């Protein structure tokens, strides 16, 4: 699995702006805006929020065979 840090904004319950982030594991790498839209829709469903905008994402480094993460 490929792990990503994803930051996003959303509309709060009274129309306010919220900001949050999550860790997301995917079987394939993010390659297109369609993938980003799918992530947006998943966040909206899972978090129960509206008007999600993915602000950015970053792939986590994978640990090496010895369990350490390369710097």
PDB file of N, CA and C in Angstrom:
ATOM      1  N   UNK A   1       0.840  -1.185   0.000  1.00  0.00           N
ATOM      2  CA  UNK A   1       0.000   0.000   0.000  1.00  0.00           C
ATOM      3  C   UNK A   1       0.886   1.250   0.000  1.00  0.00           C
ATOM      4  N   UNK A   2       0.394   2.269  -0.650  1.00  0.00           N
ATOM      5  CA  UNK A   2       1.092   3.555  -0.718  1.00  0.00           C
ATOM      6  C   UNK A   2       0.384   4.501   0.249  1.00  0.00           C
ATOM      7  N   UNK A   3       1.150   5.077   1.178  1.00  0.00           N
ATOM      8  CA  UNK A   3       0.555   5.942   2.198  1.00  0.00           C
ATOM      9  C   UNK A   3       0.779   7.416   1.855  1.00  0.00           C
ATOM     10  N   UNK A   4      -0.283   8.198   2.048  1.00  0.00           N
ATOM     11  CA  UNK A   4      -0.236   9.635   1.777  1.00  0.00           C
ATOM     12  C   UNK A   4      -0.719  10.423   2.985  1.00  0.00           C
ATOM     13  N   UNK A   5      -0.131  11.593   3.183  1.00  0.00           N
ATOM     14  CA  UNK A   5      -0.653  12.621   4.078  1.00  0.00           C
ATOM     15  C   UNK A   5      -1.484  13.536   3.190  1.00  0.00           C
ATOM     16  N   UNK A   6      -2.747  13.759   3.550  1.00  0.00           N
ATOM     17  CA  UNK A   6      -3.649  14.586   2.744  1.00  0.00           C
ATOM     18  C   UNK A   6      -4.195  15.710   3.620  1.00  0.00           C
ATOM     19  N   UNK A   7      -4.045  16.952   3.175  1.00  0.00           N
ATOM     20  CA  UNK A   7      -4.644  18.087   3.885  1.00  0.00           C
ATOM     21  C   UNK A   7      -5.826  18.596   3.068  1.00  0.00           C
ATOM     22  N   UNK A   8      -6.860  19.064   3.795  1.00  0.00           N
ATOM     23  CA  UNK A   8      -8.072  19.497   3.101  1.00  0.00           C
ATOM     24  C   UNK A   8      -8.836  20.532   3.919  1.00  0.00           C
ATOM     25  N   UNK A   9      -9.687  21.264   3.232  1.00  0.00           N
ATOM     26  CA  UNK A   9     -10.626  22.174   3.878  1.00  0.00           C
ATOM     27  C   UNK A   9     -12.028  21.636   3.638  1.00  0.00           C
ATOM     28  N   UNK A  10     -12.962  22.108   4.463  1.00  0.00           N
ATOM     29  CA  UNK A  10     -14.348  21.672   4.335  1.00  0.00           C
ATOM     30  C   UNK A  10     -15.271  22.730   4.923  1.00  0.00           C
ATOM     31  N   UNK A  11     -16.539  22.621   4.598  1.00  0.00           N
ATOM     32  CA  UNK A  11     -17.540  23.525   5.150  1.00  0.00           C
ATOM     33  C   UNK A  11     -18.050  22.939   6.452  1.00  0.00           C
ATOM     34  N   UNK A  12     -17.959  23.733   7.523  1.00  0.00           N
ATOM     35  CA  UNK A  12     -18.428  23.298   8.829  1.00  0.00           C
ATOM     36  C   UNK A  12     -19.941  23.368   8.941  1.00  0.00           C
ATOM     37  N   UNK A  13     -20.476  22.963  10.093  1.00  0.00           N
ATOM     38  CA  UNK A  13     -21.927  22.854  10.262  1.00  0.00           C
ATOM     39  C   UNK A  13     -22.689  24.175  10.138  1.00  0.00           C
ATOM     40  N   UNK A  14     -22.067  25.287  10.429  1.00  0.00           N
ATOM     41  CA  UNK A  14     -22.768  26.576  10.334  1.00  0.00           C
ATOM     42  C   UNK A  14     -22.175  27.441   9.222  1.00  0.00           C
ATOM     43  N   UNK A  15     -21.585  26.783   8.217  1.00  0.00           N
ATOM     44  CA  UNK A  15     -21.018  27.513   7.091  1.00  0.00           C
ATOM     45  C   UNK A  15     -19.603  27.996   7.309  1.00  0.00           C
ATOM     46  N   UNK A  16     -19.020  27.649   8.447  1.00  0.00           N
ATOM     47  CA  UNK A  16     -17.644  28.059   8.715  1.00  0.00           C
ATOM     48  C   UNK A  16     -16.670  27.178   7.938  1.00  0.00           C
ATOM     49  N   UNK A  17     -15.435  27.633   7.828  1.00  0.00           N
ATOM     50  CA  UNK A  17     -14.403  26.881   7.120  1.00  0.00           C
ATOM     51  C   UNK A  17     -13.612  26.052   8.117  1.00  0.00           C
ATOM     52  N   UNK A  18     -13.471  24.772   7.835  1.00  0.00           N
ATOM     53  CA  UNK A  18     -12.663  23.896   8.668  1.00  0.00           C
ATOM     54  C   UNK A  18     -11.455  23.413   7.890  1.00  0.00           C
ATOM     55  N   UNK A  19     -10.407  23.064   8.614  1.00  0.00           N
ATOM     56  CA  UNK A  19      -9.200  22.509   7.999  1.00  0.00           C
ATOM     57  C   UNK A  19      -8.836  21.244   8.758  1.00  0.00           C
ATOM     58  N   UNK A  20      -8.382  20.236   8.021  1.00  0.00           N
ATOM     59  CA  UNK A  20      -8.006  18.978   8.661  1.00  0.00           C
ATOM     60  C   UNK A  20      -7.019  18.240   7.772  1.00  0.00           C
ATOM     61  N   UNK A  21      -6.572  17.098   8.265  1.00  0.00           N
ATOM     62  CA  UNK A  21      -5.685  16.244   7.479  1.00  0.00           C
ATOM     63  C   UNK A  21      -5.928  14.799   7.861  1.00  0.00           C
ATOM     64  N   UNK A  22      -5.439  13.904   7.036  1.00  0.00           N
ATOM     65  CA  UNK A  22      -5.599  12.482   7.314  1.00  0.00           C
ATOM     66  C   UNK A  22      -4.481  11.705   6.642  1.00  0.00           C
ATOM     67  N   UNK A  23      -4.333  10.471   7.070  1.00  0.00           N
ATOM     68  CA  UNK A  23      -3.440   9.534   6.390  1.00  0.00           C
ATOM     69  C   UNK A  23      -4.314   8.618   5.555  1.00  0.00           C
ATOM     70  N   UNK A  24      -3.919   8.411   4.320  1.00  0.00           N
ATOM     71  CA  UNK A  24      -4.699   7.614   3.383  1.00  0.00           C
ATOM     72  C   UNK A  24      -3.790   6.568   2.754  1.00  0.00           C
ATOM     73  N   UNK A  25      -4.241   5.316   2.742  1.00  0.00           N
ATOM     74  CA  UNK A  25      -3.485   4.235   2.102  1.00  0.00           C
ATOM     75  C   UNK A  25      -4.189   3.826   0.823  1.00  0.00           C
ATOM     76  N   UNK A  26      -3.444   3.816  -0.275  1.00  0.00           N
ATOM     77  CA  UNK A  26      -4.001   3.466  -1.583  1.00  0.00           C
ATOM     78  C   UNK A  26      -3.205   2.325  -2.201  1.00  0.00           C
ATOM     79  N   UNK A  27      -3.863   1.542  -3.033  1.00  0.00           N
ATOM     80  CA  UNK A  27      -3.174   0.440  -3.703  1.00  0.00           C
ATOM     81  C   UNK A  27      -2.351   0.928  -4.891  1.00  0.00           C
ATOM     82  N   UNK A  28      -2.692   2.108  -5.428  1.00  0.00           N
ATOM     83  CA  UNK A  28      -1.958   2.690  -6.553  1.00  0.00           C
ATOM     84  C   UNK A  28      -1.634   4.143  -6.243  1.00  0.00           C
ATOM     85  N   UNK A  29      -0.629   4.701  -6.921  1.00  0.00           N
ATOM     86  CA  UNK A  29      -0.244   6.086  -6.680  1.00  0.00           C
ATOM     87  C   UNK A  29      -1.276   7.056  -7.255  1.00  0.00           C
ATOM     88  N   UNK A  30      -1.313   8.254  -6.686  1.00  0.00           N
ATOM     89  CA  UNK A  30      -2.175   9.320  -7.196  1.00  0.00           C
ATOM     90  C   UNK A  30      -1.554   9.808  -8.498  1.00  0.00           C
ATOM     91  N   UNK A  31      -2.340   9.773  -9.593  1.00  0.00           N
ATOM     92  CA  UNK A  31      -1.791  10.112 -10.898  1.00  0.00           C
ATOM     93  C   UNK A  31      -2.594  11.150 -11.664  1.00  0.00           C
ATOM     94  N   UNK A  32      -3.793  11.500 -11.200  1.00  0.00           N
ATOM     95  CA  UNK A  32      -4.628  12.395 -11.998  1.00  0.00           C
ATOM     96  C   UNK A  32      -5.598  13.163 -11.111  1.00  0.00           C
ATOM     97  N   UNK A  33      -6.229  14.173 -11.710  1.00  0.00           N
ATOM     98  CA  UNK A  33      -7.262  14.916 -10.992  1.00  0.00           C
ATOM     99  C   UNK A  33      -8.448  14.014 -10.659  1.00  0.00           C
ATOM    100  N   UNK A  34      -8.698  13.010 -11.473  1.00  0.00           N
ATOM    101  CA  UNK A  34      -9.766  12.056 -11.154  1.00  0.00           C
ATOM    102  C   UNK A  34      -9.465  11.368  -9.827  1.00  0.00           C
ATOM    103  N   UNK A  35      -8.210  11.009  -9.607  1.00  0.00           N
ATOM    104  CA  UNK A  35      -7.813  10.409  -8.333  1.00  0.00           C
ATOM    105  C   UNK A  35      -8.045  11.385  -7.184  1.00  0.00           C
ATOM    106  N   UNK A  36      -7.682  12.651  -7.381  1.00  0.00           N
ATOM    107  CA  UNK A  36      -7.877  13.672  -6.345  1.00  0.00           C
ATOM    108  C   UNK A  36      -9.367  13.853  -6.061  1.00  0.00           C
ATOM    109  N   UNK A  37     -10.197  13.850  -7.092  1.00  0.00           N
ATOM    110  CA  UNK A  37     -11.646  13.976  -6.896  1.00  0.00           C
ATOM    111  C   UNK A  37     -12.196  12.770  -6.138  1.00  0.00           C
ATOM    112  N   UNK A  38     -11.682  11.583  -6.431  1.00  0.00           N
ATOM    113  CA  UNK A  38     -12.106  10.389  -5.692  1.00  0.00           C
ATOM    114  C   UNK A  38     -11.733  10.503  -4.218  1.00  0.00           C
ATOM    115  N   UNK A  39     -10.551  11.032  -3.930  1.00  0.00           N
ATOM    116  CA  UNK A  39     -10.122  11.248  -2.547  1.00  0.00           C
ATOM    117  C   UNK A  39     -11.026  12.270  -1.876  1.00  0.00           C
ATOM    118  N   UNK A  40     -11.322  13.357  -2.575  1.00  0.00           N
ATOM    119  CA  UNK A  40     -12.231  14.383  -2.051  1.00  0.00           C
ATOM    120  C   UNK A  40     -13.567  13.760  -1.660  1.00  0.00           C
ATOM    121  N   UNK A  41     -14.126  12.956  -2.552  1.00  0.00           N
ATOM    122  CA  UNK A  41     -15.427  12.337  -2.293  1.00  0.00           C
ATOM    123  C   UNK A  41     -15.355  11.358  -1.124  1.00  0.00           C
ATOM    124  N   UNK A  42     -14.257  10.623  -1.027  1.00  0.00           N
ATOM    125  CA  UNK A  42     -14.074   9.689   0.084  1.00  0.00           C
ATOM    126  C   UNK A  42     -14.016  10.441   1.417  1.00  0.00           C
ATOM    127  N   UNK A  43     -13.254  11.542   1.458  1.00  0.00           N
ATOM    128  CA  UNK A  43     -13.154  12.340   2.688  1.00  0.00           C
ATOM    129  C   UNK A  43     -14.529  12.858   3.088  1.00  0.00           C
ATOM    130  N   UNK A  44     -15.284  13.385   2.129  1.00  0.00           N
ATOM    131  CA  UNK A  44     -16.618  13.919   2.431  1.00  0.00           C
ATOM    132  C   UNK A  44     -17.500  12.838   3.052  1.00  0.00           C
ATOM    133  N   UNK A  45     -17.467  11.637   2.483  1.00  0.00           N
ATOM    134  CA  UNK A  45     -18.283  10.531   3.018  1.00  0.00           C
ATOM    135  C   UNK A  45     -17.812  10.106   4.404  1.00  0.00           C
ATOM    136  N   UNK A  46     -16.516   9.858   4.530  1.00  0.00           N
ATOM    137  CA  UNK A  46     -15.973   9.325   5.782  1.00  0.00           C
ATOM    138  C   UNK A  46     -16.044  10.333   6.931  1.00  0.00           C
ATOM    139  N   UNK A  47     -15.794  11.602   6.629  1.00  0.00           N
ATOM    140  CA  UNK A  47     -15.799  12.632   7.670  1.00  0.00           C
ATOM    141  C   UNK A  47     -17.180  13.246   7.863  1.00  0.00           C
ATOM    142  N   UNK A  48     -18.095  12.983   6.933  1.00  0.00           N
ATOM    143  CA  UNK A  48     -19.443  13.538   7.041  1.00  0.00           C
ATOM    144  C   UNK A  48     -19.470  15.052   6.901  1.00  0.00           C
ATOM    145  N   UNK A  49     -18.638  15.580   6.001  1.00  0.00           N
ATOM    146  CA  UNK A  49     -18.569  17.031   5.790  1.00  0.00           C
ATOM    147  C   UNK A  49     -18.870  17.355   4.330  1.00  0.00           C
ATOM    148  N   UNK A  50     -19.087  18.649   4.060  1.00  0.00           N
ATOM    149  CA  UNK A  50     -19.439  19.093   2.706  1.00  0.00           C
ATOM    150  C   UNK A  50     -18.350  19.998   2.147  1.00  0.00           C
ATOM    151  N   UNK A  51     -18.424  20.169   0.834  1.00  0.00           N
ATOM    152  CA  UNK A  51     -17.547  21.106   0.121  1.00  0.00           C
ATOM    153  C   UNK A  51     -16.071  20.916   0.471  1.00  0.00           C
ATOM    154  N   UNK A  52     -15.617  19.695   0.344  1.00  0.00           N
ATOM    155  CA  UNK A  52     -14.215  19.364   0.622  1.00  0.00           C
ATOM    156  C   UNK A  52     -13.337  19.846  -0.534  1.00  0.00           C
ATOM    157  N   UNK A  53     -12.218  20.457  -0.189  1.00  0.00           N
ATOM    158  CA  UNK A  53     -11.191  20.814  -1.161  1.00  0.00           C
ATOM    159  C   UNK A  53      -9.876  20.213  -0.688  1.00  0.00           C
ATOM    160  N   UNK A  54      -9.292  19.348  -1.506  1.00  0.00           N
ATOM    161  CA  UNK A  54      -7.979  18.793  -1.180  1.00  0.00           C
ATOM    162  C   UNK A  54      -6.951  19.893  -1.434  1.00  0.00           C
ATOM    163  N   UNK A  55      -6.247  20.281  -0.387  1.00  0.00           N
ATOM    164  CA  UNK A  55      -5.261  21.358  -0.498  1.00  0.00           C
ATOM    165  C   UNK A  55      -3.892  20.835  -0.914  1.00  0.00           C
ATOM    166  N   UNK A  56      -3.604  19.607  -0.550  1.00  0.00           N
ATOM    167  CA  UNK A  56      -2.318  19.040  -0.921  1.00  0.00           C
ATOM    168  C   UNK A  56      -2.179  17.624  -0.403  1.00  0.00           C
ATOM    169  N   UNK A  57      -1.203  16.921  -0.950  1.00  0.00           N
ATOM    170  CA  UNK A  57      -0.911  15.566  -0.482  1.00  0.00           C
ATOM    171  C   UNK A  57       0.571  15.304  -0.653  1.00  0.00           C
ATOM    172  N   UNK A  58       1.068  14.401   0.177  1.00  0.00           N
ATOM    173  CA  UNK A  58       2.482  14.054   0.137  1.00  0.00           C
ATOM    174  C   UNK A  58       2.620  12.577   0.471  1.00  0.00           C
ATOM    175  N   UNK A  59       3.413  11.883  -0.320  1.00  0.00           N
ATOM    176  CA  UNK A  59       3.618  10.457  -0.085  1.00  0.00           C
ATOM    177  C   UNK A  59       4.586  10.273   1.076  1.00  0.00           C
ATOM    178  N   UNK A  60       4.222   9.390   2.005  1.00  0.00           N
ATOM    179  CA  UNK A  60       5.118   9.056   3.108  1.00  0.00           C
ATOM    180  C   UNK A  60       6.260   8.186   2.593  1.00  0.00           C
ATOM    181  N   UNK A  61       7.428   8.354   3.168  1.00  0.00           N
ATOM    182  CA  UNK A  61       8.551   7.470   2.855  1.00  0.00           C
ATOM    183  C   UNK A  61       8.241   6.083   3.402  1.00  0.00           C
ATOM    184  N   UNK A  62       8.665   5.072   2.688  1.00  0.00           N
ATOM    185  CA  UNK A  62       8.469   3.695   3.135  1.00  0.00           C
ATOM    186  C   UNK A  62       9.685   3.252   3.941  1.00  0.00           C
ATOM    187  N   UNK A  63       9.458   2.548   5.044  1.00  0.00           N
ATOM    188  CA  UNK A  63      10.589   2.062   5.839  1.00  0.00           C
ATOM    189  C   UNK A  63      11.447   1.084   5.040  1.00  0.00           C
ATOM    190  N   UNK A  64      12.732   1.095   5.304  1.00  0.00           N
ATOM    191  CA  UNK A  64      13.633   0.139   4.673  1.00  0.00           C
ATOM    192  C   UNK A  64      13.508  -1.232   5.326  1.00  0.00           C
ATOM    193  N   UNK A  65      14.300  -2.170   4.879  1.00  0.00           N
ATOM    194  CA  UNK A  65      14.251  -3.524   5.425  1.00  0.00           C
ATOM    195  C   UNK A  65      14.567  -3.564   6.913  1.00  0.00           C
ATOM    196  N   UNK A  66      15.384  -2.606   7.391  1.00  0.00           N
ATOM    197  CA  UNK A  66      15.730  -2.582   8.813  1.00  0.00           C
ATOM    198  C   UNK A  66      14.704  -1.825   9.650  1.00  0.00           C
ATOM    199  N   UNK A  67      13.618  -1.338   9.009  1.00  0.00           N
ATOM    200  CA  UNK A  67      12.553  -0.646   9.730  1.00  0.00           C
ATOM    201  C   UNK A  67      12.751   0.844   9.869  1.00  0.00           C
ATOM    202  N   UNK A  68      13.898   1.369   9.427  1.00  0.00           N
ATOM    203  CA  UNK A  68      14.125   2.805   9.525  1.00  0.00           C
ATOM    204  C   UNK A  68      13.645   3.503   8.258  1.00  0.00           C
ATOM    205  N   UNK A  69      13.254   4.756   8.414  1.00  0.00           N
ATOM    206  CA  UNK A  69      12.792   5.559   7.281  1.00  0.00           C
ATOM    207  C   UNK A  69      13.965   6.388   6.780  1.00  0.00           C
ATOM    208  N   UNK A  70      14.241   6.353   5.469  1.00  0.00           N
ATOM    209  CA  UNK A  70      15.350   7.153   4.945  1.00  0.00           C
ATOM    210  C   UNK A  70      15.110   8.645   5.148  1.00  0.00           C
ATOM    211  N   UNK A  71      16.177   9.384   5.421  1.00  0.00           N
ATOM    212  CA  UNK A  71      16.019  10.830   5.628  1.00  0.00           C
ATOM    213  C   UNK A  71      16.208  11.593   4.347  1.00  0.00           C
TER     214      UNK A  71
END
